[in-house]
Amino acid sequence: TISRDNAKKTVYLQLNSLKPEDTAVYYCAA
């Protein structure tokens, strides 16, 4: 689930039910 907090100018990515195939370097981009 992706979400954002406008006041903190922060975007979050909640990762649930993780699998081994989710292993990676995660990059934020805009």
PDB file of all heavy atoms in Angstrom:
ATOM      1  N   THR A   1       0.843  -1.194   0.000  1.00  0.00           N
ATOM      2  CA  THR A   1       0.000   0.000   0.000  1.00  0.00           C
ATOM      3  C   THR A   1       0.876   1.241   0.000  1.00  0.00           C
ATOM      4  O   THR A   1       1.765   1.371   0.850  1.00  0.00           O
ATOM      5  CB  THR A   1      -0.918   0.029   1.224  1.00  0.00           C
ATOM      6  OG1 THR A   1      -1.723  -1.157   1.257  1.00  0.00           O
ATOM      7  CG2 THR A   1      -1.831   1.251   1.175  1.00  0.00           C
ATOM      8  N   ILE A   2       0.630   2.141  -0.952  1.00  0.00           N
ATOM      9  CA  ILE A   2       1.359   3.402  -1.013  1.00  0.00           C
ATOM     10  C   ILE A   2       0.480   4.506  -0.451  1.00  0.00           C
ATOM     11  O   ILE A   2      -0.736   4.514  -0.668  1.00  0.00           O
ATOM     12  CB  ILE A   2       1.821   3.710  -2.457  1.00  0.00           C
ATOM     13  CG1 ILE A   2       2.806   4.880  -2.475  1.00  0.00           C
ATOM     14  CG2 ILE A   2       0.628   3.963  -3.370  1.00  0.00           C
ATOM     15  CD1 ILE A   2       3.484   5.075  -3.839  1.00  0.00           C
ATOM     16  N   SER A   3       1.107   5.426   0.273  1.00  0.00           N
ATOM     17  CA  SER A   3       0.373   6.547   0.839  1.00  0.00           C
ATOM     18  C   SER A   3       1.328   7.721   0.987  1.00  0.00           C
ATOM     19  O   SER A   3       2.548   7.568   0.794  1.00  0.00           O
ATOM     20  CB  SER A   3      -0.224   6.185   2.198  1.00  0.00           C
ATOM     21  OG  SER A   3       0.810   5.849   3.125  1.00  0.00           O
ATOM     22  N   ARG A   4       0.779   8.888   1.309  1.00  0.00           N
ATOM     23  CA  ARG A   4       1.647  10.042   1.506  1.00  0.00           C
ATOM     24  C   ARG A   4       1.134  10.904   2.640  1.00  0.00           C
ATOM     25  O   ARG A   4      -0.059  10.961   2.908  1.00  0.00           O
ATOM     26  CB  ARG A   4       1.767  10.830   0.199  1.00  0.00           C
ATOM     27  CG  ARG A   4       0.479  11.455  -0.281  1.00  0.00           C
ATOM     28  CD  ARG A   4       0.602  12.970  -0.269  1.00  0.00           C
ATOM     29  NE  ARG A   4      -0.536  13.600  -0.909  1.00  0.00           N
ATOM     30  CZ  ARG A   4      -1.601  14.030  -0.248  1.00  0.00           C
ATOM     31  NH1 ARG A   4      -1.687  13.863   1.067  1.00  0.00           N
ATOM     32  NH2 ARG A   4      -2.592  14.621  -0.874  1.00  0.00           N
ATOM     33  N   ASP A   5       2.089  11.571   3.275  1.00  0.00           N
ATOM     34  CA  ASP A   5       1.781  12.530   4.337  1.00  0.00           C
ATOM     35  C   ASP A   5       2.208  13.898   3.808  1.00  0.00           C
ATOM     36  O   ASP A   5       3.402  14.178   3.677  1.00  0.00           O
ATOM     37  CB  ASP A   5       2.546  12.160   5.611  1.00  0.00           C
ATOM     38  CG  ASP A   5       2.197  13.064   6.772  1.00  0.00           C
ATOM     39  OD1 ASP A   5       2.018  14.283   6.570  1.00  0.00           O
ATOM     40  OD2 ASP A   5       2.125  12.557   7.907  1.00  0.00           O
ATOM     41  N   ASN A   6       1.235  14.731   3.511  1.00  0.00           N
ATOM     42  CA  ASN A   6       1.529  16.022   2.881  1.00  0.00           C
ATOM     43  C   ASN A   6       2.352  16.911   3.798  1.00  0.00           C
ATOM     44  O   ASN A   6       3.291  17.575   3.359  1.00  0.00           O
ATOM     45  CB  ASN A   6       0.222  16.701   2.502  1.00  0.00           C
ATOM     46  CG  ASN A   6       0.440  17.892   1.597  1.00  0.00           C
ATOM     47  OD1 ASN A   6       1.262  17.829   0.683  1.00  0.00           O
ATOM     48  ND2 ASN A   6      -0.256  18.971   1.850  1.00  0.00           N
ATOM     49  N   ALA A   7       2.023  16.930   5.088  1.00  0.00           N
ATOM     50  CA  ALA A   7       2.720  17.802   6.033  1.00  0.00           C
ATOM     51  C   ALA A   7       4.194  17.413   6.164  1.00  0.00           C
ATOM     52  O   ALA A   7       5.068  18.263   6.303  1.00  0.00           O
ATOM     53  CB  ALA A   7       2.040  17.751   7.391  1.00  0.00           C
ATOM     54  N   LYS A   8       4.477  16.123   6.116  1.00  0.00           N
ATOM     55  CA  LYS A   8       5.854  15.645   6.259  1.00  0.00           C
ATOM     56  C   LYS A   8       6.549  15.490   4.918  1.00  0.00           C
ATOM     57  O   LYS A   8       7.739  15.150   4.875  1.00  0.00           O
ATOM     58  CB  LYS A   8       5.870  14.300   6.991  1.00  0.00           C
ATOM     59  CG  LYS A   8       5.371  14.370   8.423  1.00  0.00           C
ATOM     60  CD  LYS A   8       5.455  13.011   9.095  1.00  0.00           C
ATOM     61  CE  LYS A   8       4.994  13.086  10.537  1.00  0.00           C
ATOM     62  NZ  LYS A   8       5.057  11.767  11.213  1.00  0.00           N
ATOM     63  N   LYS A   9       5.811  15.704   3.821  1.00  0.00           N
ATOM     64  CA  LYS A   9       6.364  15.518   2.470  1.00  0.00           C
ATOM     65  C   LYS A   9       7.052  14.156   2.372  1.00  0.00           C
ATOM     66  O   LYS A   9       8.183  14.027   1.902  1.00  0.00           O
ATOM     67  CB  LYS A   9       7.313  16.650   2.108  1.00  0.00           C
ATOM     68  CG  LYS A   9       6.603  17.988   1.961  1.00  0.00           C
ATOM     69  CD  LYS A   9       7.551  19.119   1.599  1.00  0.00           C
ATOM     70  CE  LYS A   9       7.950  19.088   0.168  1.00  0.00           C
ATOM     71  NZ  LYS A   9       8.732  20.278  -0.225  1.00  0.00           N
ATOM     72  N   THR A  10       6.340  13.161   2.815  1.00  0.00           N
ATOM     73  CA  THR A  10       6.870  11.810   2.856  1.00  0.00           C
ATOM     74  C   THR A  10       5.877  10.840   2.220  1.00  0.00           C
ATOM     75  O   THR A  10       4.668  10.961   2.437  1.00  0.00           O
ATOM     76  CB  THR A  10       7.157  11.375   4.299  1.00  0.00           C
ATOM     77  OG1 THR A  10       8.146  12.255   4.855  1.00  0.00           O
ATOM     78  CG2 THR A  10       7.682   9.945   4.359  1.00  0.00           C
ATOM     79  N   VAL A  11       6.401   9.931   1.434  1.00  0.00           N
ATOM     80  CA  VAL A  11       5.607   8.869   0.833  1.00  0.00           C
ATOM     81  C   VAL A  11       6.009   7.556   1.494  1.00  0.00           C
ATOM     82  O   VAL A  11       7.194   7.295   1.706  1.00  0.00           O
ATOM     83  CB  VAL A  11       5.825   8.806  -0.688  1.00  0.00           C
ATOM     84  CG1 VAL A  11       5.166   7.571  -1.287  1.00  0.00           C
ATOM     85  CG2 VAL A  11       5.276  10.064  -1.352  1.00  0.00           C
ATOM     86  N   TYR A  12       5.016   6.749   1.795  1.00  0.00           N
ATOM     87  CA  TYR A  12       5.246   5.480   2.467  1.00  0.00           C
ATOM     88  C   TYR A  12       4.862   4.321   1.549  1.00  0.00           C
ATOM     89  O   TYR A  12       3.942   4.433   0.735  1.00  0.00           O
ATOM     90  CB  TYR A  12       4.422   5.382   3.752  1.00  0.00           C
ATOM     91  CG  TYR A  12       4.691   6.499   4.721  1.00  0.00           C
ATOM     92  CD1 TYR A  12       3.831   7.590   4.818  1.00  0.00           C
ATOM     93  CD2 TYR A  12       5.812   6.467   5.542  1.00  0.00           C
ATOM     94  CE1 TYR A  12       4.074   8.613   5.711  1.00  0.00           C
ATOM     95  CE2 TYR A  12       6.064   7.496   6.442  1.00  0.00           C
ATOM     96  CZ  TYR A  12       5.196   8.566   6.514  1.00  0.00           C
ATOM     97  OH  TYR A  12       5.443   9.576   7.406  1.00  0.00           O
ATOM     98  N   LEU A  13       5.550   3.225   1.718  1.00  0.00           N
ATOM     99  CA  LEU A  13       5.161   1.990   1.048  1.00  0.00           C
ATOM    100  C   LEU A  13       5.093   0.905   2.113  1.00  0.00           C
ATOM    101  O   LEU A  13       6.122   0.515   2.676  1.00  0.00           O
ATOM    102  CB  LEU A  13       6.152   1.599  -0.045  1.00  0.00           C
ATOM    103  CG  LEU A  13       5.743   0.387  -0.879  1.00  0.00           C
ATOM    104  CD1 LEU A  13       4.501   0.719  -1.722  1.00  0.00           C
ATOM    105  CD2 LEU A  13       6.885  -0.064  -1.787  1.00  0.00           C
ATOM    106  N   GLN A  14       3.881   0.484   2.422  1.00  0.00           N
ATOM    107  CA  GLN A  14       3.665  -0.586   3.384  1.00  0.00           C
ATOM    108  C   GLN A  14       3.734  -1.924   2.650  1.00  0.00           C
ATOM    109  O   GLN A  14       2.960  -2.159   1.712  1.00  0.00           O
ATOM    110  CB  GLN A  14       2.302  -0.431   4.056  1.00  0.00           C
ATOM    111  CG  GLN A  14       1.976  -1.502   5.072  1.00  0.00           C
ATOM    112  CD  GLN A  14       2.862  -1.452   6.299  1.00  0.00           C
ATOM    113  OE1 GLN A  14       3.179  -0.380   6.800  1.00  0.00           O
ATOM    114  NE2 GLN A  14       3.271  -2.619   6.793  1.00  0.00           N
ATOM    115  N   LEU A  15       4.650  -2.771   3.071  1.00  0.00           N
ATOM    116  CA  LEU A  15       4.855  -4.061   2.435  1.00  0.00           C
ATOM    117  C   LEU A  15       4.344  -5.153   3.380  1.00  0.00           C
ATOM    118  O   LEU A  15       4.912  -5.360   4.450  1.00  0.00           O
ATOM    119  CB  LEU A  15       6.332  -4.302   2.150  1.00  0.00           C
ATOM    120  CG  LEU A  15       7.049  -3.491   1.067  1.00  0.00           C
ATOM    121  CD1 LEU A  15       7.099  -2.007   1.407  1.00  0.00           C
ATOM    122  CD2 LEU A  15       8.435  -4.018   0.840  1.00  0.00           C
ATOM    123  N   ASN A  16       3.286  -5.828   3.006  1.00  0.00           N
ATOM    124  CA  ASN A  16       2.722  -6.919   3.802  1.00  0.00           C
ATOM    125  C   ASN A  16       2.832  -8.235   3.038  1.00  0.00           C
ATOM    126  O   ASN A  16       3.023  -8.251   1.831  1.00  0.00           O
ATOM    127  CB  ASN A  16       1.264  -6.639   4.141  1.00  0.00           C
ATOM    128  CG  ASN A  16       1.081  -5.428   5.024  1.00  0.00           C
ATOM    129  OD1 ASN A  16       1.961  -5.073   5.821  1.00  0.00           O
ATOM    130  ND2 ASN A  16      -0.058  -4.762   4.901  1.00  0.00           N
ATOM    131  N   SER A  17       2.709  -9.330   3.778  1.00  0.00           N
ATOM    132  CA  SER A  17       2.744 -10.670   3.179  1.00  0.00           C
ATOM    133  C   SER A  17       3.944 -10.824   2.260  1.00  0.00           C
ATOM    134  O   SER A  17       3.833 -11.290   1.129  1.00  0.00           O
ATOM    135  CB  SER A  17       1.444 -10.941   2.412  1.00  0.00           C
ATOM    136  OG  SER A  17       0.318 -10.808   3.243  1.00  0.00           O
ATOM    137  N   LEU A  18       5.097 -10.443   2.772  1.00  0.00           N
ATOM    138  CA  LEU A  18       6.298 -10.435   1.944  1.00  0.00           C
ATOM    139  C   LEU A  18       6.712 -11.847   1.531  1.00  0.00           C
ATOM    140  O   LEU A  18       6.543 -12.811   2.285  1.00  0.00           O
ATOM    141  CB  LEU A  18       7.438  -9.743   2.694  1.00  0.00           C
ATOM    142  CG  LEU A  18       7.347  -8.207   2.674  1.00  0.00           C
ATOM    143  CD1 LEU A  18       8.206  -7.594   3.757  1.00  0.00           C
ATOM    144  CD2 LEU A  18       7.745  -7.680   1.301  1.00  0.00           C
ATOM    145  N   LYS A  19       7.261 -11.922   0.341  1.00  0.00           N
ATOM    146  CA  LYS A  19       7.727 -13.179  -0.239  1.00  0.00           C
ATOM    147  C   LYS A  19       9.217 -13.056  -0.549  1.00  0.00           C
ATOM    148  O   LYS A  19       9.712 -11.941  -0.780  1.00  0.00           O
ATOM    149  CB  LYS A  19       6.968 -13.469  -1.528  1.00  0.00           C
ATOM    150  CG  LYS A  19       5.456 -13.463  -1.399  1.00  0.00           C
ATOM    151  CD  LYS A  19       4.806 -13.628  -2.759  1.00  0.00           C
ATOM    152  CE  LYS A  19       3.286 -13.587  -2.658  1.00  0.00           C
ATOM    153  NZ  LYS A  19       2.647 -13.716  -3.994  1.00  0.00           N
ATOM    154  N   PRO A  20       9.917 -14.160  -0.618  1.00  0.00           N
ATOM    155  CA  PRO A  20      11.349 -14.084  -0.975  1.00  0.00           C
ATOM    156  C   PRO A  20      11.581 -13.365  -2.300  1.00  0.00           C
ATOM    157  O   PRO A  20      12.604 -12.668  -2.462  1.00  0.00           O
ATOM    158  CB  PRO A  20      11.762 -15.551  -1.045  1.00  0.00           C
ATOM    159  CG  PRO A  20      10.856 -16.231  -0.076  1.00  0.00           C
ATOM    160  CD  PRO A  20       9.529 -15.520  -0.213  1.00  0.00           C
ATOM    161  N   GLU A  21      10.664 -13.482  -3.228  1.00  0.00           N
ATOM    162  CA  GLU A  21      10.822 -12.815  -4.527  1.00  0.00           C
ATOM    163  C   GLU A  21      10.646 -11.303  -4.444  1.00  0.00           C
ATOM    164  O   GLU A  21      10.857 -10.596  -5.432  1.00  0.00           O
ATOM    165  CB  GLU A  21       9.871 -13.405  -5.575  1.00  0.00           C
ATOM    166  CG  GLU A  21       8.424 -13.470  -5.143  1.00  0.00           C
ATOM    167  CD  GLU A  21       8.049 -14.838  -4.601  1.00  0.00           C
ATOM    168  OE1 GLU A  21       8.843 -15.427  -3.827  1.00  0.00           O
ATOM    169  OE2 GLU A  21       6.933 -15.316  -4.939  1.00  0.00           O
ATOM    170  N   ASP A  22      10.271 -10.780  -3.291  1.00  0.00           N
ATOM    171  CA  ASP A  22      10.208  -9.335  -3.091  1.00  0.00           C
ATOM    172  C   ASP A  22      11.574  -8.766  -2.728  1.00  0.00           C
ATOM    173  O   ASP A  22      11.735  -7.541  -2.628  1.00  0.00           O
ATOM    174  CB  ASP A  22       9.218  -8.980  -1.979  1.00  0.00           C
ATOM    175  CG  ASP A  22       7.781  -9.299  -2.346  1.00  0.00           C
ATOM    176  OD1 ASP A  22       7.393  -9.027  -3.494  1.00  0.00           O
ATOM    177  OD2 ASP A  22       7.051  -9.817  -1.478  1.00  0.00           O
ATOM    178  N   THR A  23      12.549  -9.628  -2.519  1.00  0.00           N
ATOM    179  CA  THR A  23      13.898  -9.178  -2.185  1.00  0.00           C
ATOM    180  C   THR A  23      14.471  -8.338  -3.317  1.00  0.00           C
ATOM    181  O   THR A  23      14.497  -8.769  -4.474  1.00  0.00           O
ATOM    182  CB  THR A  23      14.814 -10.383  -1.917  1.00  0.00           C
ATOM    183  OG1 THR A  23      14.350 -11.070  -0.751  1.00  0.00           O
ATOM    184  CG2 THR A  23      16.254  -9.944  -1.719  1.00  0.00           C
ATOM    185  N   ALA A  24      14.899  -7.120  -2.980  1.00  0.00           N
ATOM    186  CA  ALA A  24      15.408  -6.188  -3.985  1.00  0.00           C
ATOM    187  C   ALA A  24      15.868  -4.907  -3.293  1.00  0.00           C
ATOM    188  O   ALA A  24      15.584  -4.702  -2.102  1.00  0.00           O
ATOM    189  CB  ALA A  24      14.317  -5.854  -5.010  1.00  0.00           C
ATOM    190  N   VAL A  25      16.532  -4.059  -4.059  1.00  0.00           N
ATOM    191  CA  VAL A  25      16.745  -2.676  -3.624  1.00  0.00           C
ATOM    192  C   VAL A  25      15.533  -1.883  -4.090  1.00  0.00           C
ATOM    193  O   VAL A  25      15.177  -1.921  -5.277  1.00  0.00           O
ATOM    194  CB  VAL A  25      18.035  -2.092  -4.204  1.00  0.00           C
ATOM    195  CG1 VAL A  25      18.186  -0.638  -3.764  1.00  0.00           C
ATOM    196  CG2 VAL A  25      19.239  -2.913  -3.761  1.00  0.00           C
ATOM    197  N   TYR A  26      14.918  -1.192  -3.163  1.00  0.00           N
ATOM    198  CA  TYR A  26      13.728  -0.401  -3.468  1.00  0.00           C
ATOM    199  C   TYR A  26      14.122   1.071  -3.592  1.00  0.00           C
ATOM    200  O   TYR A  26      14.771   1.624  -2.703  1.00  0.00           O
ATOM    201  CB  TYR A  26      12.685  -0.582  -2.371  1.00  0.00           C
ATOM    202  CG  TYR A  26      11.964  -1.904  -2.476  1.00  0.00           C
ATOM    203  CD1 TYR A  26      12.617  -3.105  -2.205  1.00  0.00           C
ATOM    204  CD2 TYR A  26      10.636  -1.963  -2.880  1.00  0.00           C
ATOM    205  CE1 TYR A  26      11.963  -4.327  -2.325  1.00  0.00           C
ATOM    206  CE2 TYR A  26       9.972  -3.170  -2.997  1.00  0.00           C
ATOM    207  CZ  TYR A  26      10.639  -4.344  -2.724  1.00  0.00           C
ATOM    208  OH  TYR A  26       9.985  -5.555  -2.846  1.00  0.00           O
ATOM    209  N   TYR A  27      13.704   1.689  -4.701  1.00  0.00           N
ATOM    210  CA  TYR A  27      14.034   3.067  -4.991  1.00  0.00           C
ATOM    211  C   TYR A  27      12.777   3.923  -5.014  1.00  0.00           C
ATOM    212  O   TYR A  27      11.752   3.521  -5.579  1.00  0.00           O
ATOM    213  CB  TYR A  27      14.712   3.183  -6.353  1.00  0.00           C
ATOM    214  CG  TYR A  27      16.036   2.489  -6.458  1.00  0.00           C
ATOM    215  CD1 TYR A  27      16.107   1.171  -6.907  1.00  0.00           C
ATOM    216  CD2 TYR A  27      17.218   3.145  -6.130  1.00  0.00           C
ATOM    217  CE1 TYR A  27      17.333   0.519  -7.007  1.00  0.00           C
ATOM    218  CE2 TYR A  27      18.448   2.502  -6.228  1.00  0.00           C
ATOM    219  CZ  TYR A  27      18.485   1.201  -6.665  1.00  0.00           C
ATOM    220  OH  TYR A  27      19.703   0.559  -6.771  1.00  0.00           O
ATOM    221  N   CYS A  28      12.883   5.095  -4.446  1.00  0.00           N
ATOM    222  CA  CYS A  28      11.841   6.102  -4.548  1.00  0.00           C
ATOM    223  C   CYS A  28      12.173   6.998  -5.738  1.00  0.00           C
ATOM    224  O   CYS A  28      13.359   7.302  -5.977  1.00  0.00           O
ATOM    225  CB  CYS A  28      11.802   6.910  -3.260  1.00  0.00           C
ATOM    226  SG  CYS A  28      10.597   8.230  -3.237  1.00  0.00           S
ATOM    227  N   ALA A  29      11.168   7.423  -6.478  1.00  0.00           N
ATOM    228  CA  ALA A  29      11.387   8.266  -7.645  1.00  0.00           C
ATOM    229  C   ALA A  29      10.233   9.254  -7.778  1.00  0.00           C
ATOM    230  O   ALA A  29       9.122   8.989  -7.302  1.00  0.00           O
ATOM    231  CB  ALA A  29      11.499   7.411  -8.895  1.00  0.00           C
ATOM    232  N   ALA A  30      10.498  10.357  -8.457  1.00  0.00           N
ATOM    233  CA  ALA A  30       9.462  11.381  -8.593  1.00  0.00           C
ATOM    234  C   ALA A  30       9.650  12.165  -9.885  1.00  0.00           C
ATOM    235  O   ALA A  30      10.777  12.317 -10.378  1.00  0.00           O
ATOM    236  CB  ALA A  30       9.492  12.339  -7.406  1.00  0.00           C
TER     237      ALA A  30
END
